[in-house]
């Protein structure tokens, strides 16, 4: 009986440690919490761009990794490009913005 409880405790500890390490982030992979944070940032940036009447939100793609927002796609002018970048930078949680947008 004693051996079984020790075995169970060791197994439980191993599973717990494995799941915690599995959720940790690395330089190329986000942890669970970071993924959720980045999803929220992406949604807020998309909403800000959508709510800007001068921008065609369907042509601007937004991706976020560890707080760094990448904007890609097409805009009509350099002014639209600057506006999209400004909107993204003003979203809480954004560390920086990478611009891969192209003018038509």
PDB file of N, CA and C in Angstrom:
ATOM      1  N   UNK A   1       0.824  -1.190   0.000  1.00  0.00           N
ATOM      2  CA  UNK A   1       0.000   0.000   0.000  1.00  0.00           C
ATOM      3  C   UNK A   1       0.871   1.258   0.000  1.00  0.00           C
ATOM      4  N   UNK A   2       1.931   1.268   0.808  1.00  0.00           N
ATOM      5  CA  UNK A   2       2.833   2.403   0.876  1.00  0.00           C
ATOM      6  C   UNK A   2       3.530   2.641  -0.462  1.00  0.00           C
ATOM      7  N   UNK A   3       3.942   1.554  -1.094  1.00  0.00           N
ATOM      8  CA  UNK A   3       4.634   1.641  -2.370  1.00  0.00           C
ATOM      9  C   UNK A   3       3.715   2.231  -3.438  1.00  0.00           C
ATOM     10  N   UNK A   4       2.452   1.841  -3.414  1.00  0.00           N
ATOM     11  CA  UNK A   4       1.492   2.322  -4.398  1.00  0.00           C
ATOM     12  C   UNK A   4       1.278   3.836  -4.258  1.00  0.00           C
ATOM     13  N   UNK A   5       1.165   4.331  -3.043  1.00  0.00           N
ATOM     14  CA  UNK A   5       0.948   5.766  -2.852  1.00  0.00           C
ATOM     15  C   UNK A   5       2.185   6.564  -3.272  1.00  0.00           C
ATOM     16  N   UNK A   6       3.389   6.030  -3.035  1.00  0.00           N
ATOM     17  CA  UNK A   6       4.613   6.709  -3.471  1.00  0.00           C
ATOM     18  C   UNK A   6       4.697   6.707  -5.000  1.00  0.00           C
ATOM     19  N   UNK A   7       4.335   5.575  -5.594  1.00  0.00           N
ATOM     20  CA  UNK A   7       4.340   5.482  -7.047  1.00  0.00           C
ATOM     21  C   UNK A   7       3.338   6.458  -7.649  1.00  0.00           C
ATOM     22  N   UNK A   8       2.157   6.531  -7.045  1.00  0.00           N
ATOM     23  CA  UNK A   8       1.134   7.459  -7.521  1.00  0.00           C
ATOM     24  C   UNK A   8       1.619   8.901  -7.391  1.00  0.00           C
ATOM     25  N   UNK A   9       2.223   9.247  -6.276  1.00  0.00           N
ATOM     26  CA  UNK A   9       2.729  10.605  -6.048  1.00  0.00           C
ATOM     27  C   UNK A   9       3.821  10.948  -7.067  1.00  0.00           C
ATOM     28  N   UNK A  10       4.715  10.005  -7.330  1.00  0.00           N
ATOM     29  CA  UNK A  10       5.792  10.239  -8.299  1.00  0.00           C
ATOM     30  C   UNK A  10       5.210  10.409  -9.701  1.00  0.00           C
ATOM     31  N   UNK A  11       4.240   9.592 -10.053  1.00  0.00           N
ATOM     32  CA  UNK A  11       3.600   9.686 -11.361  1.00  0.00           C
ATOM     33  C   UNK A  11       2.873  11.020 -11.511  1.00  0.00           C
ATOM     34  N   UNK A  12       2.170  11.426 -10.468  1.00  0.00           N
ATOM     35  CA  UNK A  12       1.460  12.700 -10.483  1.00  0.00           C
ATOM     36  C   UNK A  12       2.437  13.860 -10.654  1.00  0.00           C
ATOM     37  N   UNK A  13       3.554  13.823  -9.949  1.00  0.00           N
ATOM     38  CA  UNK A  13       4.573  14.868 -10.052  1.00  0.00           C
ATOM     39  C   UNK A  13       5.158  14.915 -11.461  1.00  0.00           C
ATOM     40  N   UNK A  14       5.433  13.756 -12.035  1.00  0.00           N
ATOM     41  CA  UNK A  14       5.999  13.699 -13.388  1.00  0.00           C
ATOM     42  C   UNK A  14       5.036  14.288 -14.411  1.00  0.00           C
ATOM     43  N   UNK A  15       3.766  13.958 -14.290  1.00  0.00           N
ATOM     44  CA  UNK A  15       2.762  14.483 -15.222  1.00  0.00           C
ATOM     45  C   UNK A  15       2.623  15.989 -15.055  1.00  0.00           C
ATOM     46  N   UNK A  16       2.613  16.466 -13.836  1.00  0.00           N
ATOM     47  CA  UNK A  16       2.495  17.900 -13.571  1.00  0.00           C
ATOM     48  C   UNK A  16       3.681  18.653 -14.145  1.00  0.00           C
ATOM     49  N   UNK A  17       4.885  18.167 -13.913  1.00  0.00           N
ATOM     50  CA  UNK A  17       6.078  18.832 -14.432  1.00  0.00           C
ATOM     51  C   UNK A  17       6.098  18.835 -15.961  1.00  0.00           C
ATOM     52  N   UNK A  18       5.684  17.745 -16.554  1.00  0.00           N
ATOM     53  CA  UNK A  18       5.650  17.649 -18.011  1.00  0.00           C
ATOM     54  C   UNK A  18       4.667  18.652 -18.600  1.00  0.00           C
ATOM     55  N   UNK A  19       3.502  18.782 -17.985  1.00  0.00           N
ATOM     56  CA  UNK A  19       2.517  19.711 -18.519  1.00  0.00           C
ATOM     57  C   UNK A  19       2.952  21.155 -18.324  1.00  0.00           C
ATOM     58  N   UNK A  20       3.638  21.470 -17.237  1.00  0.00           N
ATOM     59  CA  UNK A  20       4.122  22.831 -17.017  1.00  0.00           C
ATOM     60  C   UNK A  20       5.216  23.162 -18.019  1.00  0.00           C
ATOM     61  N   UNK A  21       6.143  22.262 -18.237  1.00  0.00           N
ATOM     62  CA  UNK A  21       7.212  22.489 -19.200  1.00  0.00           C
ATOM     63  C   UNK A  21       6.644  22.564 -20.609  1.00  0.00           C
ATOM     64  N   UNK A  22       5.613  21.800 -20.893  1.00  0.00           N
ATOM     65  CA  UNK A  22       4.982  21.814 -22.209  1.00  0.00           C
ATOM     66  C   UNK A  22       4.315  23.139 -22.528  1.00  0.00           C
ATOM     67  N   UNK A  23       3.946  23.914 -21.515  1.00  0.00           N
ATOM     68  CA  UNK A  23       3.297  25.208 -21.722  1.00  0.00           C
ATOM     69  C   UNK A  23       4.287  26.366 -21.701  1.00  0.00           C
ATOM     70  N   UNK A  24       5.536  26.083 -21.439  1.00  0.00           N
ATOM     71  CA  UNK A  24       6.539  27.144 -21.382  1.00  0.00           C
ATOM     72  C   UNK A  24       6.858  27.641 -22.779  1.00  0.00           C
ATOM     73  N   UNK A  25       7.257  28.891 -22.849  1.00  0.00           N
ATOM     74  CA  UNK A  25       7.585  29.445 -24.161  1.00  0.00           C
ATOM     75  C   UNK A  25       9.073  29.302 -24.441  1.00  0.00           C
ATOM     76  N   UNK A  26       9.388  29.313 -25.718  1.00  0.00           N
ATOM     77  CA  UNK A  26      10.775  29.330 -26.171  1.00  0.00           C
ATOM     78  C   UNK A  26      10.909  30.518 -27.115  1.00  0.00           C
ATOM     79  N   UNK A  27      12.069  30.709 -27.692  1.00  0.00           N
ATOM     80  CA  UNK A  27      12.246  31.848 -28.596  1.00  0.00           C
ATOM     81  C   UNK A  27      11.434  31.706 -29.880  1.00  0.00           C
ATOM     82  N   UNK A  28      11.061  30.485 -30.235  1.00  0.00           N
ATOM     83  CA  UNK A  28      10.302  30.281 -31.475  1.00  0.00           C
ATOM     84  C   UNK A  28       8.880  29.794 -31.232  1.00  0.00           C
ATOM     85  N   UNK A  29       8.527  29.539 -29.966  1.00  0.00           N
ATOM     86  CA  UNK A  29       7.189  29.026 -29.661  1.00  0.00           C
ATOM     87  C   UNK A  29       6.616  29.763 -28.460  1.00  0.00           C
ATOM     88  N   UNK A  30       5.357  30.141 -28.558  1.00  0.00           N
ATOM     89  CA  UNK A  30       4.700  30.851 -27.476  1.00  0.00           C
ATOM     90  C   UNK A  30       4.192  29.879 -26.424  1.00  0.00           C
ATOM     91  N   UNK A  31       4.167  30.329 -25.188  1.00  0.00           N
ATOM     92  CA  UNK A  31       3.490  29.595 -24.132  1.00  0.00           C
ATOM     93  C   UNK A  31       1.998  29.842 -24.254  1.00  0.00           C
ATOM     94  N   UNK A  32       1.220  29.101 -23.492  1.00  0.00           N
ATOM     95  CA  UNK A  32      -0.241  29.215 -23.573  1.00  0.00           C
ATOM     96  C   UNK A  32      -0.707  30.628 -23.249  1.00  0.00           C
ATOM     97  N   UNK A  33      -0.176  31.217 -22.186  1.00  0.00           N
ATOM     98  CA  UNK A  33      -0.574  32.566 -21.803  1.00  0.00           C
ATOM     99  C   UNK A  33      -0.214  33.591 -22.850  1.00  0.00           C
ATOM    100  N   UNK A  34       0.973  33.461 -23.434  1.00  0.00           N
ATOM    101  CA  UNK A  34       1.390  34.393 -24.486  1.00  0.00           C
ATOM    102  C   UNK A  34       0.506  34.261 -25.712  1.00  0.00           C
ATOM    103  N   UNK A  35       0.114  33.029 -26.047  1.00  0.00           N
ATOM    104  CA  UNK A  35      -0.747  32.812 -27.208  1.00  0.00           C
ATOM    105  C   UNK A  35      -2.072  33.524 -27.018  1.00  0.00           C
ATOM    106  N   UNK A  36      -2.644  33.422 -25.817  1.00  0.00           N
ATOM    107  CA  UNK A  36      -3.915  34.086 -25.528  1.00  0.00           C
ATOM    108  C   UNK A  36      -3.735  35.591 -25.597  1.00  0.00           C
ATOM    109  N   UNK A  37      -2.665  36.117 -24.994  1.00  0.00           N
ATOM    110  CA  UNK A  37      -2.393  37.552 -25.039  1.00  0.00           C
ATOM    111  C   UNK A  37      -2.251  38.030 -26.482  1.00  0.00           C
ATOM    112  N   UNK A  38      -1.505  37.294 -27.284  1.00  0.00           N
ATOM    113  CA  UNK A  38      -1.305  37.668 -28.681  1.00  0.00           C
ATOM    114  C   UNK A  38      -2.608  37.619 -29.468  1.00  0.00           C
ATOM    115  N   UNK A  39      -3.464  36.670 -29.165  1.00  0.00           N
ATOM    116  CA  UNK A  39      -4.767  36.590 -29.844  1.00  0.00           C
ATOM    117  C   UNK A  39      -5.609  37.821 -29.524  1.00  0.00           C
ATOM    118  N   UNK A  40      -5.561  38.265 -28.272  1.00  0.00           N
ATOM    119  CA  UNK A  40      -6.302  39.455 -27.872  1.00  0.00           C
ATOM    120  C   UNK A  40      -5.740  40.685 -28.584  1.00  0.00           C
ATOM    121  N   UNK A  41      -4.420  40.804 -28.628  1.00  0.00           N
ATOM    122  CA  UNK A  41      -3.795  41.936 -29.316  1.00  0.00           C
ATOM    123  C   UNK A  41      -4.184  41.942 -30.796  1.00  0.00           C
ATOM    124  N   UNK A  42      -4.100  40.780 -31.446  1.00  0.00           N
ATOM    125  CA  UNK A  42      -4.465  40.683 -32.860  1.00  0.00           C
ATOM    126  C   UNK A  42      -5.902  41.141 -33.084  1.00  0.00           C
ATOM    127  N   UNK A  43      -6.805  40.697 -32.234  1.00  0.00           N
ATOM    128  CA  UNK A  43      -8.215  41.067 -32.351  1.00  0.00           C
ATOM    129  C   UNK A  43      -8.400  42.569 -32.182  1.00  0.00           C
ATOM    130  N   UNK A  44      -7.709  43.165 -31.208  1.00  0.00           N
ATOM    131  CA  UNK A  44      -7.834  44.606 -30.971  1.00  0.00           C
ATOM    132  C   UNK A  44      -7.256  45.417 -32.135  1.00  0.00           C
ATOM    133  N   UNK A  45      -6.136  44.971 -32.692  1.00  0.00           N
ATOM    134  CA  UNK A  45      -5.550  45.676 -33.838  1.00  0.00           C
ATOM    135  C   UNK A  45      -6.482  45.577 -35.044  1.00  0.00           C
ATOM    136  N   UNK A  46      -7.019  44.385 -35.294  1.00  0.00           N
ATOM    137  CA  UNK A  46      -7.953  44.213 -36.414  1.00  0.00           C
ATOM    138  C   UNK A  46      -9.178  45.114 -36.235  1.00  0.00           C
ATOM    139  N   UNK A  47      -9.687  45.202 -35.008  1.00  0.00           N
ATOM    140  CA  UNK A  47     -10.854  46.051 -34.734  1.00  0.00           C
ATOM    141  C   UNK A  47     -10.523  47.523 -34.974  1.00  0.00           C
ATOM    142  N   UNK A  48      -9.334  47.948 -34.541  1.00  0.00           N
ATOM    143  CA  UNK A  48      -8.935  49.344 -34.745  1.00  0.00           C
ATOM    144  C   UNK A  48      -8.836  49.673 -36.235  1.00  0.00           C
ATOM    145  N   UNK A  49      -8.278  48.752 -36.995  1.00  0.00           N
ATOM    146  CA  UNK A  49      -8.160  48.965 -38.444  1.00  0.00           C
ATOM    147  C   UNK A  49      -9.542  48.934 -39.101  1.00  0.00           C
ATOM    148  N   UNK A  50     -10.390  47.999 -38.673  1.00  0.00           N
ATOM    149  CA  UNK A  50     -11.749  47.887 -39.221  1.00  0.00           C
ATOM    150  C   UNK A  50     -12.557  49.159 -38.959  1.00  0.00           C
ATOM    151  N   UNK A  51     -12.378  49.744 -37.774  1.00  0.00           N
ATOM    152  CA  UNK A  51     -13.149  50.928 -37.396  1.00  0.00           C
ATOM    153  C   UNK A  51     -12.615  52.226 -38.003  1.00  0.00           C
ATOM    154  N   UNK A  52     -11.509  52.136 -38.722  1.00  0.00           N
ATOM    155  CA  UNK A  52     -10.958  53.309 -39.404  1.00  0.00           C
ATOM    156  C   UNK A  52     -11.538  53.344 -40.819  1.00  0.00           C
ATOM    157  N   UNK A  53     -12.422  54.307 -41.102  1.00  0.00           N
ATOM    158  CA  UNK A  53     -13.128  54.317 -42.391  1.00  0.00           C
ATOM    159  C   UNK A  53     -12.228  54.500 -43.612  1.00  0.00           C
ATOM    160  N   UNK A  54     -11.041  55.055 -43.431  1.00  0.00           N
ATOM    161  CA  UNK A  54     -10.176  55.289 -44.590  1.00  0.00           C
ATOM    162  C   UNK A  54      -9.394  54.050 -45.009  1.00  0.00           C
ATOM    163  N   UNK A  55      -9.404  53.010 -44.179  1.00  0.00           N
ATOM    164  CA  UNK A  55      -8.628  51.799 -44.482  1.00  0.00           C
ATOM    165  C   UNK A  55      -9.531  50.665 -44.949  1.00  0.00           C
ATOM    166  N   UNK A  56      -9.034  49.872 -45.892  1.00  0.00           N
ATOM    167  CA  UNK A  56      -9.736  48.661 -46.322  1.00  0.00           C
ATOM    168  C   UNK A  56      -9.208  47.504 -45.481  1.00  0.00           C
ATOM    169  N   UNK A  57      -9.921  47.204 -44.405  1.00  0.00           N
ATOM    170  CA  UNK A  57      -9.435  46.216 -43.442  1.00  0.00           C
ATOM    171  C   UNK A  57      -9.312  44.819 -44.036  1.00  0.00           C
ATOM    172  N   UNK A  58     -10.068  44.530 -45.085  1.00  0.00           N
ATOM    173  CA  UNK A  58     -10.011  43.188 -45.672  1.00  0.00           C
ATOM    174  C   UNK A  58      -8.693  42.931 -46.394  1.00  0.00           C
ATOM    175  N   UNK A  59      -7.950  43.988 -46.682  1.00  0.00           N
ATOM    176  CA  UNK A  59      -6.693  43.834 -47.408  1.00  0.00           C
ATOM    177  C   UNK A  59      -5.459  43.951 -46.511  1.00  0.00           C
ATOM    178  N   UNK A  60      -5.678  44.090 -45.194  1.00  0.00           N
ATOM    179  CA  UNK A  60      -4.572  44.186 -44.245  1.00  0.00           C
ATOM    180  C   UNK A  60      -4.615  42.974 -43.328  1.00  0.00           C
ATOM    181  N   UNK A  61      -3.534  42.209 -43.318  1.00  0.00           N
ATOM    182  CA  UNK A  61      -3.423  41.039 -42.458  1.00  0.00           C
ATOM    183  C   UNK A  61      -2.668  41.406 -41.183  1.00  0.00           C
ATOM    184  N   UNK A  62      -3.114  40.838 -40.061  1.00  0.00           N
ATOM    185  CA  UNK A  62      -2.499  41.128 -38.770  1.00  0.00           C
ATOM    186  C   UNK A  62      -2.095  39.811 -38.107  1.00  0.00           C
ATOM    187  N   UNK A  63      -0.838  39.723 -37.708  1.00  0.00           N
ATOM    188  CA  UNK A  63      -0.345  38.572 -36.951  1.00  0.00           C
ATOM    189  C   UNK A  63       0.447  39.106 -35.771  1.00  0.00           C
ATOM    190  N   UNK A  64       0.375  38.398 -34.635  1.00  0.00           N
ATOM    191  CA  UNK A  64       1.097  38.831 -33.436  1.00  0.00           C
ATOM    192  C   UNK A  64       1.869  37.660 -32.860  1.00  0.00           C
ATOM    193  N   UNK A  65       3.123  37.910 -32.493  1.00  0.00           N
ATOM    194  CA  UNK A  65       3.966  36.906 -31.845  1.00  0.00           C
ATOM    195  C   UNK A  65       4.730  37.595 -30.732  1.00  0.00           C
ATOM    196  N   UNK A  66       4.436  37.193 -29.502  1.00  0.00           N
ATOM    197  CA  UNK A  66       5.086  37.746 -28.307  1.00  0.00           C
ATOM    198  C   UNK A  66       5.000  39.267 -28.252  1.00  0.00           C
ATOM    199  N   UNK A  67       3.821  39.796 -28.591  1.00  0.00           N
ATOM    200  CA  UNK A  67       3.581  41.225 -28.513  1.00  0.00           C
ATOM    201  C   UNK A  67       4.051  42.027 -29.716  1.00  0.00           C
ATOM    202  N   UNK A  68       4.693  41.369 -30.657  1.00  0.00           N
ATOM    203  CA  UNK A  68       5.167  42.050 -31.863  1.00  0.00           C
ATOM    204  C   UNK A  68       4.140  41.823 -32.975  1.00  0.00           C
ATOM    205  N   UNK A  69       3.558  42.911 -33.449  1.00  0.00           N
ATOM    206  CA  UNK A  69       2.506  42.850 -34.463  1.00  0.00           C
ATOM    207  C   UNK A  69       3.137  42.992 -35.840  1.00  0.00           C
ATOM    208  N   UNK A  70       2.735  42.113 -36.747  1.00  0.00           N
ATOM    209  CA  UNK A  70       3.185  42.203 -38.136  1.00  0.00           C
ATOM    210  C   UNK A  70       1.982  42.520 -39.005  1.00  0.00           C
ATOM    211  N   UNK A  71       2.092  43.623 -39.734  1.00  0.00           N
ATOM    212  CA  UNK A  71       1.047  44.024 -40.667  1.00  0.00           C
ATOM    213  C   UNK A  71       1.518  43.711 -42.074  1.00  0.00           C
ATOM    214  N   UNK A  72       0.671  43.045 -42.849  1.00  0.00           N
ATOM    215  CA  UNK A  72       1.002  42.735 -44.234  1.00  0.00           C
ATOM    216  C   UNK A  72      -0.247  42.937 -45.079  1.00  0.00           C
ATOM    217  N   UNK A  73      -0.065  42.906 -46.378  1.00  0.00           N
ATOM    218  CA  UNK A  73      -1.183  43.103 -47.283  1.00  0.00           C
ATOM    219  C   UNK A  73      -0.992  44.358 -48.097  1.00  0.00           C
ATOM    220  N   UNK A  74      -2.116  44.935 -48.532  1.00  0.00           N
ATOM    221  CA  UNK A  74      -2.064  46.076 -49.444  1.00  0.00           C
ATOM    222  C   UNK A  74      -2.864  47.248 -48.910  1.00  0.00           C
ATOM    223  N   UNK A  75      -2.321  48.444 -49.142  1.00  0.00           N
ATOM    224  CA  UNK A  75      -3.006  49.687 -48.806  1.00  0.00           C
ATOM    225  C   UNK A  75      -2.981  50.589 -50.041  1.00  0.00           C
ATOM    226  N   UNK A  76      -3.828  51.602 -50.036  1.00  0.00           N
ATOM    227  CA  UNK A  76      -3.919  52.487 -51.199  1.00  0.00           C
ATOM    228  C   UNK A  76      -2.804  53.522 -51.269  1.00  0.00           C
ATOM    229  N   UNK A  77      -2.250  53.899 -50.122  1.00  0.00           N
ATOM    230  CA  UNK A  77      -1.256  54.978 -50.121  1.00  0.00           C
ATOM    231  C   UNK A  77      -0.314  54.849 -48.932  1.00  0.00           C
ATOM    232  N   UNK A  78       0.742  55.636 -48.966  1.00  0.00           N
ATOM    233  CA  UNK A  78       1.679  55.681 -47.841  1.00  0.00           C
ATOM    234  C   UNK A  78       0.988  56.236 -46.596  1.00  0.00           C
ATOM    235  N   UNK A  79       0.035  57.143 -46.782  1.00  0.00           N
ATOM    236  CA  UNK A  79      -0.718  57.686 -45.643  1.00  0.00           C
ATOM    237  C   UNK A  79      -1.537  56.588 -44.962  1.00  0.00           C
ATOM    238  N   UNK A  80      -2.165  55.714 -45.753  1.00  0.00           N
ATOM    239  CA  UNK A  80      -2.912  54.583 -45.195  1.00  0.00           C
ATOM    240  C   UNK A  80      -1.974  53.640 -44.451  1.00  0.00           C
ATOM    241  N   UNK A  81      -0.797  53.446 -44.991  1.00  0.00           N
ATOM    242  CA  UNK A  81       0.201  52.584 -44.368  1.00  0.00           C
ATOM    243  C   UNK A  81       0.597  53.152 -43.001  1.00  0.00           C
ATOM    244  N   UNK A  82       0.872  54.442 -42.943  1.00  0.00           N
ATOM    245  CA  UNK A  82       1.233  55.089 -41.678  1.00  0.00           C
ATOM    246  C   UNK A  82       0.083  55.026 -40.681  1.00  0.00           C
ATOM    247  N   UNK A  83      -1.149  55.192 -41.156  1.00  0.00           N
ATOM    248  CA  UNK A  83      -2.324  55.156 -40.283  1.00  0.00           C
ATOM    249  C   UNK A  83      -2.491  53.774 -39.661  1.00  0.00           C
ATOM    250  N   UNK A  84      -2.333  52.719 -40.448  1.00  0.00           N
ATOM    251  CA  UNK A  84      -2.465  51.351 -39.934  1.00  0.00           C
ATOM    252  C   UNK A  84      -1.392  51.071 -38.875  1.00  0.00           C
ATOM    253  N   UNK A  85      -0.175  51.526 -39.131  1.00  0.00           N
ATOM    254  CA  UNK A  85       0.919  51.337 -38.169  1.00  0.00           C
ATOM    255  C   UNK A  85       0.616  52.087 -36.877  1.00  0.00           C
ATOM    256  N   UNK A  86       0.147  53.319 -37.007  1.00  0.00           N
ATOM    257  CA  UNK A  86      -0.187  54.130 -35.836  1.00  0.00           C
ATOM    258  C   UNK A  86      -1.286  53.465 -35.003  1.00  0.00           C
ATOM    259  N   UNK A  87      -2.319  52.964 -35.674  1.00  0.00           N
ATOM    260  CA  UNK A  87      -3.414  52.293 -34.969  1.00  0.00           C
ATOM    261  C   UNK A  87      -2.906  51.067 -34.209  1.00  0.00           C
ATOM    262  N   UNK A  88      -2.036  50.295 -34.851  1.00  0.00           N
ATOM    263  CA  UNK A  88      -1.492  49.093 -34.209  1.00  0.00           C
ATOM    264  C   UNK A  88      -0.641  49.463 -33.003  1.00  0.00           C
ATOM    265  N   UNK A  89       0.186  50.476 -33.129  1.00  0.00           N
ATOM    266  CA  UNK A  89       1.065  50.893 -32.026  1.00  0.00           C
ATOM    267  C   UNK A  89       0.276  51.375 -30.811  1.00  0.00           C
ATOM    268  N   UNK A  90      -0.920  51.901 -31.039  1.00  0.00           N
ATOM    269  CA  UNK A  90      -1.729  52.438 -29.946  1.00  0.00           C
ATOM    270  C   UNK A  90      -2.524  51.377 -29.188  1.00  0.00           C
ATOM    271  N   UNK A  91      -2.459  50.135 -29.618  1.00  0.00           N
ATOM    272  CA  UNK A  91      -3.165  49.060 -28.929  1.00  0.00           C
ATOM    273  C   UNK A  91      -2.337  48.615 -27.725  1.00  0.00           C
ATOM    274  N   UNK A  92      -2.989  48.510 -26.584  1.00  0.00           N
ATOM    275  CA  UNK A  92      -2.313  48.104 -25.359  1.00  0.00           C
ATOM    276  C   UNK A  92      -1.718  46.699 -25.523  1.00  0.00           C
ATOM    277  N   UNK A  93      -0.468  46.558 -25.119  1.00  0.00           N
ATOM    278  CA  UNK A  93       0.207  45.267 -25.188  1.00  0.00           C
ATOM    279  C   UNK A  93       1.126  45.109 -26.387  1.00  0.00           C
ATOM    280  N   UNK A  94       1.016  46.010 -27.358  1.00  0.00           N
ATOM    281  CA  UNK A  94       1.867  45.942 -28.549  1.00  0.00           C
ATOM    282  C   UNK A  94       3.257  46.452 -28.189  1.00  0.00           C
ATOM    283  N   UNK A  95       4.262  45.592 -28.392  1.00  0.00           N
ATOM    284  CA  UNK A  95       5.648  45.968 -28.111  1.00  0.00           C
ATOM    285  C   UNK A  95       6.270  46.702 -29.295  1.00  0.00           C
ATOM    286  N   UNK A  96       5.989  46.234 -30.495  1.00  0.00           N
ATOM    287  CA  UNK A  96       6.485  46.884 -31.707  1.00  0.00           C
ATOM    288  C   UNK A  96       5.633  46.425 -32.882  1.00  0.00           C
ATOM    289  N   UNK A  97       5.817  47.112 -34.016  1.00  0.00           N
ATOM    290  CA  UNK A  97       5.041  46.802 -35.221  1.00  0.00           C
ATOM    291  C   UNK A  97       6.011  46.604 -36.376  1.00  0.00           C
ATOM    292  N   UNK A  98       5.880  45.476 -37.056  1.00  0.00           N
ATOM    293  CA  UNK A  98       6.647  45.214 -38.280  1.00  0.00           C
ATOM    294  C   UNK A  98       5.738  45.521 -39.467  1.00  0.00           C
ATOM    295  N   UNK A  99       6.256  46.271 -40.387  1.00  0.00           N
ATOM    296  CA  UNK A  99       5.460  46.701 -41.540  1.00  0.00           C
ATOM    297  C   UNK A  99       5.880  45.929 -42.791  1.00  0.00           C
ATOM    298  N   UNK A 100       4.995  45.078 -43.276  1.00  0.00           N
ATOM    299  CA  UNK A 100       5.201  44.366 -44.537  1.00  0.00           C
ATOM    300  C   UNK A 100       4.093  44.708 -45.533  1.00  0.00           C
ATOM    301  N   UNK A 101       3.463  45.861 -45.349  1.00  0.00           N
ATOM    302  CA  UNK A 101       2.388  46.264 -46.250  1.00  0.00           C
ATOM    303  C   UNK A 101       2.972  46.860 -47.526  1.00  0.00           C
ATOM    304  N   UNK A 102       2.222  46.772 -48.597  1.00  0.00           N
ATOM    305  CA  UNK A 102       2.638  47.317 -49.893  1.00  0.00           C
ATOM    306  C   UNK A 102       1.551  48.266 -50.391  1.00  0.00           C
ATOM    307  N   UNK A 103       1.991  49.353 -51.011  1.00  0.00           N
ATOM    308  CA  UNK A 103       1.034  50.282 -51.628  1.00  0.00           C
ATOM    309  C   UNK A 103       0.676  49.764 -53.014  1.00  0.00           C
ATOM    310  N   UNK A 104      -0.581  49.937 -53.377  1.00  0.00           N
ATOM    311  CA  UNK A 104      -1.061  49.507 -54.694  1.00  0.00           C
ATOM    312  C   UNK A 104      -0.607  50.471 -55.757  1.00  0.00           C
TER     313      UNK A 104
END
